[in-house]
Amino acid sequence: MSGRATGRAARGAAGPGAGRAVGGVAERVASHAAGTAERVASCAAGTAEWVAGGDQIIVVLGYGNRGERANGINRFRVRAGLRTVDPRARSAVLILCGGAVAGRRPEAMILERFAREELGFTGRMRLETESATTWENILNAIPLIDEELRAESTISIVSNSHHAEKARDHLWQLRPDLGRRLVRGGDYRFGELPVVKPIAAVRGLLALRELDRSNSL
């Protein structure tokens, strides 16, 4: 039997069973990633409680965007930010963060355009267009947060769940008084971004491990 025929025979023998096995592994990975994202999203890390009729400050973190139109991850983050807005809130403002990291246009401007032109959002937004890292996102957002802060304001940080947790940790380090105002955002929705979540979960866990290591020094 030729090598080519042997290869076909081997693939045929492995075919359905191997496909089911791979599919099962992928399903377990996706399920674990979704569960991890939900647990992380539920850890808002603050002591504040949202009270209907209060004031919301929602910080949305951008992601590297090469083109002019929001990519899939940035579209997800904007949608998560908008669903964080509570219709019962007395006021709500979105602070969109991100400089021109992967392209010529700042991420914050791309987020704003998507929210306005494609989702029809008409609420208030503030833009932070200089940051290139998560630390800078939070550092540069703080002056805007301070300008919007009211006695009953709560703060949500919206991104992929692990990235948002890293950003919340940065806020605690920089401004514990603001960290205490943190509440859960709309990062997590079951079944959303099934392909991205496993990758984001691995990257996020590695980033959090590095953050824990640096905090312990």
Protein backbone atom coordinates (compact mmCIF):
# COMPACT_ATOMS: atom_id res chain seq x y z
CA MET A 1 0.00 0.00 0.00
CA SER A 2 1.35 3.42 -0.88
CA GLY A 3 2.17 6.05 1.73
CA ARG A 4 -0.66 8.19 0.37
CA ALA A 5 -3.14 5.34 0.72
CA THR A 6 -1.88 4.58 4.21
CA GLY A 7 -2.40 8.21 5.19
CA ARG A 8 -5.94 8.19 3.85
CA ALA A 9 -6.66 4.96 5.72
CA ALA A 10 -5.29 6.37 8.96
CA ARG A 11 -7.36 9.53 8.61
CA GLY A 12 -10.42 7.48 7.79
CA ALA A 13 -9.91 5.27 10.84
CA ALA A 14 -9.46 8.26 13.09
CA GLY A 15 -12.10 10.45 11.40
CA PRO A 16 -15.42 10.60 13.36
CA GLY A 17 -13.97 9.58 16.70
CA ALA A 18 -11.09 12.04 16.50
CA GLY A 19 -13.44 14.80 15.40
CA ARG A 20 -15.74 14.16 18.34
CA ALA A 21 -12.77 14.10 20.72
CA VAL A 22 -11.43 17.41 19.43
CA GLY A 23 -14.91 18.88 19.54
CA GLY A 24 -15.34 17.68 23.11
CA VAL A 25 -12.05 19.26 24.19
CA ALA A 26 -12.95 22.54 22.48
CA GLU A 27 -16.36 22.53 24.17
CA ARG A 28 -14.80 21.94 27.60
CA VAL A 29 -12.24 24.71 27.03
CA ALA A 30 -14.96 27.14 25.92
CA SER A 31 -17.17 26.18 28.86
CA HIS A 32 -14.32 26.64 31.34
CA ALA A 33 -13.37 29.99 29.79
CA ALA A 34 -16.99 31.20 29.96
CA GLY A 35 -17.26 30.13 33.59
CA THR A 36 -13.98 31.82 34.45
CA ALA A 37 -15.10 35.02 32.69
CA GLU A 38 -18.36 35.02 34.66
CA ARG A 39 -16.56 34.55 37.99
CA VAL A 40 -14.05 37.30 37.19
CA ALA A 41 -16.79 39.67 36.01
CA SER A 42 -18.65 39.15 39.27
CA CYS A 43 -15.60 40.27 41.26
CA ALA A 44 -16.09 44.01 40.99
CA ALA A 45 -13.61 44.45 43.87
CA GLY A 46 -15.32 47.47 45.41
CA THR A 47 -17.44 48.00 48.51
CA ALA A 48 -20.07 50.19 46.86
CA GLU A 49 -23.57 48.99 46.03
CA TRP A 50 -25.55 50.28 43.08
CA VAL A 51 -28.66 52.14 44.18
CA ALA A 52 -31.37 52.88 41.63
CA GLY A 53 -31.40 56.59 40.93
CA GLY A 54 -27.68 56.97 41.55
CA ASP A 55 -24.96 58.15 39.20
CA GLN A 56 -22.89 55.89 36.97
CA ILE A 57 -19.37 56.33 35.65
CA ILE A 58 -18.58 53.60 33.14
CA VAL A 59 -14.99 53.28 31.92
CA VAL A 60 -14.68 51.36 28.64
CA LEU A 61 -11.18 50.20 27.69
CA GLY A 62 -10.20 50.11 24.03
CA TYR A 63 -8.33 47.39 22.16
CA GLY A 64 -5.74 47.72 19.39
CA ASN A 65 -7.58 48.64 16.17
CA ARG A 66 -5.78 48.90 12.83
CA GLY A 67 -8.64 50.18 10.72
CA GLU A 68 -11.10 53.03 11.03
CA ARG A 69 -14.06 50.81 11.94
CA ALA A 70 -14.28 49.11 15.33
CA ASN A 71 -13.03 45.53 15.27
CA GLY A 72 -14.88 42.66 16.94
CA ILE A 73 -13.36 43.08 20.38
CA ASN A 74 -13.99 46.82 20.46
CA ARG A 75 -17.57 46.29 19.31
CA PHE A 76 -18.06 43.83 22.16
CA ARG A 77 -16.61 46.27 24.68
CA VAL A 78 -18.84 49.12 23.54
CA ARG A 79 -21.93 46.92 23.72
CA ALA A 80 -20.89 45.76 27.20
CA GLY A 81 -20.48 49.40 28.24
CA LEU A 82 -23.91 50.35 26.92
CA ARG A 83 -25.65 47.47 28.65
CA THR A 84 -23.98 48.56 31.88
CA VAL A 85 -26.03 51.78 31.71
CA ASP A 86 -29.00 51.42 34.04
CA PRO A 87 -32.14 53.20 32.77
CA ARG A 88 -32.98 54.00 36.39
CA ALA A 89 -29.75 55.96 36.87
CA ARG A 90 -29.96 59.68 37.58
CA SER A 91 -26.97 60.18 35.32
CA ALA A 92 -24.56 58.00 33.36
CA VAL A 93 -21.39 58.86 31.50
CA LEU A 94 -19.10 56.59 29.48
CA ILE A 95 -15.38 57.31 29.61
CA LEU A 96 -13.81 55.73 26.53
CA CYS A 97 -10.10 55.01 26.80
CA GLY A 98 -7.37 54.29 24.29
CA GLY A 99 -4.79 56.03 22.15
CA ALA A 100 -3.61 55.29 18.61
CA VAL A 101 -1.78 52.07 19.44
CA ALA A 102 -2.34 49.78 16.44
CA GLY A 103 -3.56 52.35 13.91
CA ARG A 104 -3.67 56.07 13.18
CA ARG A 105 -6.95 56.81 14.99
CA PRO A 106 -7.19 56.65 18.80
CA GLU A 107 -9.15 53.67 20.06
CA ALA A 108 -11.40 55.97 22.10
CA MET A 109 -12.54 57.76 18.95
CA ILE A 110 -13.27 54.45 17.23
CA LEU A 111 -15.33 53.34 20.24
CA GLU A 112 -17.27 56.60 20.22
CA ARG A 113 -18.01 56.39 16.50
CA PHE A 114 -19.30 52.84 16.83
CA ALA A 115 -21.52 53.78 19.79
CA ARG A 116 -22.96 56.86 18.03
CA GLU A 117 -23.20 55.83 14.39
CA GLU A 118 -23.85 52.10 14.54
CA LEU A 119 -25.59 51.59 17.89
CA GLY A 120 -27.39 54.94 18.02
CA PHE A 121 -26.24 55.84 21.53
CA THR A 122 -27.14 59.42 22.42
CA GLY A 123 -25.87 59.59 26.00
CA ARG A 124 -22.83 61.37 27.39
CA MET A 125 -19.32 60.19 26.57
CA ARG A 126 -15.87 61.47 27.49
CA LEU A 127 -12.75 60.48 25.57
CA GLU A 128 -9.26 59.68 26.80
CA THR A 129 -7.09 59.42 23.67
CA GLU A 130 -3.48 59.21 24.86
CA SER A 131 -3.04 55.90 26.67
CA ALA A 132 -1.13 52.94 25.25
CA THR A 133 -1.31 50.50 28.19
CA THR A 134 -3.89 49.39 30.75
CA TRP A 135 -2.05 51.31 33.46
CA GLU A 136 -2.20 54.48 31.34
CA ASN A 137 -5.90 53.83 30.60
CA ILE A 138 -6.66 54.11 34.29
CA LEU A 139 -4.12 56.81 35.10
CA ASN A 140 -5.45 59.06 32.33
CA ALA A 141 -9.10 58.26 33.07
CA ILE A 142 -8.84 59.36 36.71
CA PRO A 143 -8.98 63.13 36.01
CA LEU A 144 -12.13 62.56 33.94
CA ILE A 145 -13.60 60.38 36.69
CA ASP A 146 -12.88 63.12 39.23
CA GLU A 147 -14.67 65.68 37.06
CA GLU A 148 -17.77 63.46 36.86
CA LEU A 149 -17.73 62.23 40.45
CA ARG A 150 -20.74 62.84 42.66
CA ALA A 151 -21.58 61.77 46.18
CA GLU A 152 -23.43 58.62 45.06
CA SER A 153 -21.39 57.79 41.96
CA THR A 154 -20.41 54.22 41.28
CA ILE A 155 -17.65 53.20 38.85
CA SER A 156 -17.69 50.27 36.44
CA ILE A 157 -14.70 49.25 34.33
CA VAL A 158 -15.69 47.41 31.17
CA SER A 159 -13.50 45.22 28.97
CA ASN A 160 -12.95 41.51 28.59
CA SER A 161 -13.40 40.16 32.11
CA HIS A 162 -9.77 39.43 33.00
CA HIS A 163 -8.57 42.68 31.46
CA ALA A 164 -11.19 44.58 33.45
CA GLU A 165 -10.01 42.89 36.65
CA LYS A 166 -6.45 44.00 35.93
CA ALA A 167 -7.69 47.56 35.36
CA ARG A 168 -9.68 47.51 38.60
CA ASP A 169 -6.52 46.46 40.43
CA HIS A 170 -4.72 49.43 38.89
CA LEU A 171 -7.46 51.77 40.10
CA TRP A 172 -7.15 50.37 43.62
CA GLN A 173 -3.40 50.99 43.52
CA LEU A 174 -3.71 54.53 42.18
CA ARG A 175 -6.82 55.70 44.01
CA PRO A 176 -8.23 53.45 46.74
CA ASP A 177 -11.02 55.97 47.35
CA LEU A 178 -12.22 55.38 43.79
CA GLY A 179 -11.61 51.65 44.06
CA ARG A 180 -14.19 51.49 46.82
CA ARG A 181 -16.79 52.81 44.37
CA LEU A 182 -16.32 49.93 41.92
CA VAL A 183 -19.35 47.85 40.93
CA ARG A 184 -19.86 45.11 38.38
CA GLY A 185 -20.05 46.07 34.72
CA GLY A 186 -21.69 44.33 31.77
CA ASP A 187 -18.61 42.34 30.69
CA TYR A 188 -20.17 38.92 30.86
CA ARG A 189 -23.02 37.48 28.81
CA PHE A 190 -23.36 33.73 28.36
CA GLY A 191 -22.47 32.54 24.85
CA GLU A 192 -20.93 35.84 23.74
CA LEU A 193 -17.54 35.78 21.97
CA PRO A 194 -17.16 31.96 22.22
CA VAL A 195 -13.94 31.97 20.17
CA VAL A 196 -12.33 34.97 21.84
CA LYS A 197 -13.07 34.07 25.47
CA PRO A 198 -10.68 31.08 25.75
CA ILE A 199 -7.84 33.14 24.27
CA ALA A 200 -8.70 36.17 26.41
CA ALA A 201 -8.94 33.96 29.50
CA VAL A 202 -5.44 32.54 29.01
CA ARG A 203 -3.93 35.97 28.27
CA GLY A 204 -5.81 37.51 31.17
CA LEU A 205 -4.74 34.87 33.67
CA LEU A 206 -1.10 35.27 32.61
CA ALA A 207 -1.40 39.06 33.00
CA LEU A 208 -3.01 38.71 36.43
CA ARG A 209 -0.31 36.25 37.51
CA GLU A 210 2.35 38.76 36.48
CA LEU A 211 0.45 41.50 38.31
CA ASP A 212 0.29 39.39 41.47
CA ARG A 213 4.02 38.73 41.19
CA SER A 214 4.83 42.44 40.83
CA ASN A 215 2.52 43.35 43.74
CA SER A 216 4.30 40.88 45.99
CA LEU A 217 7.76 42.39 45.39
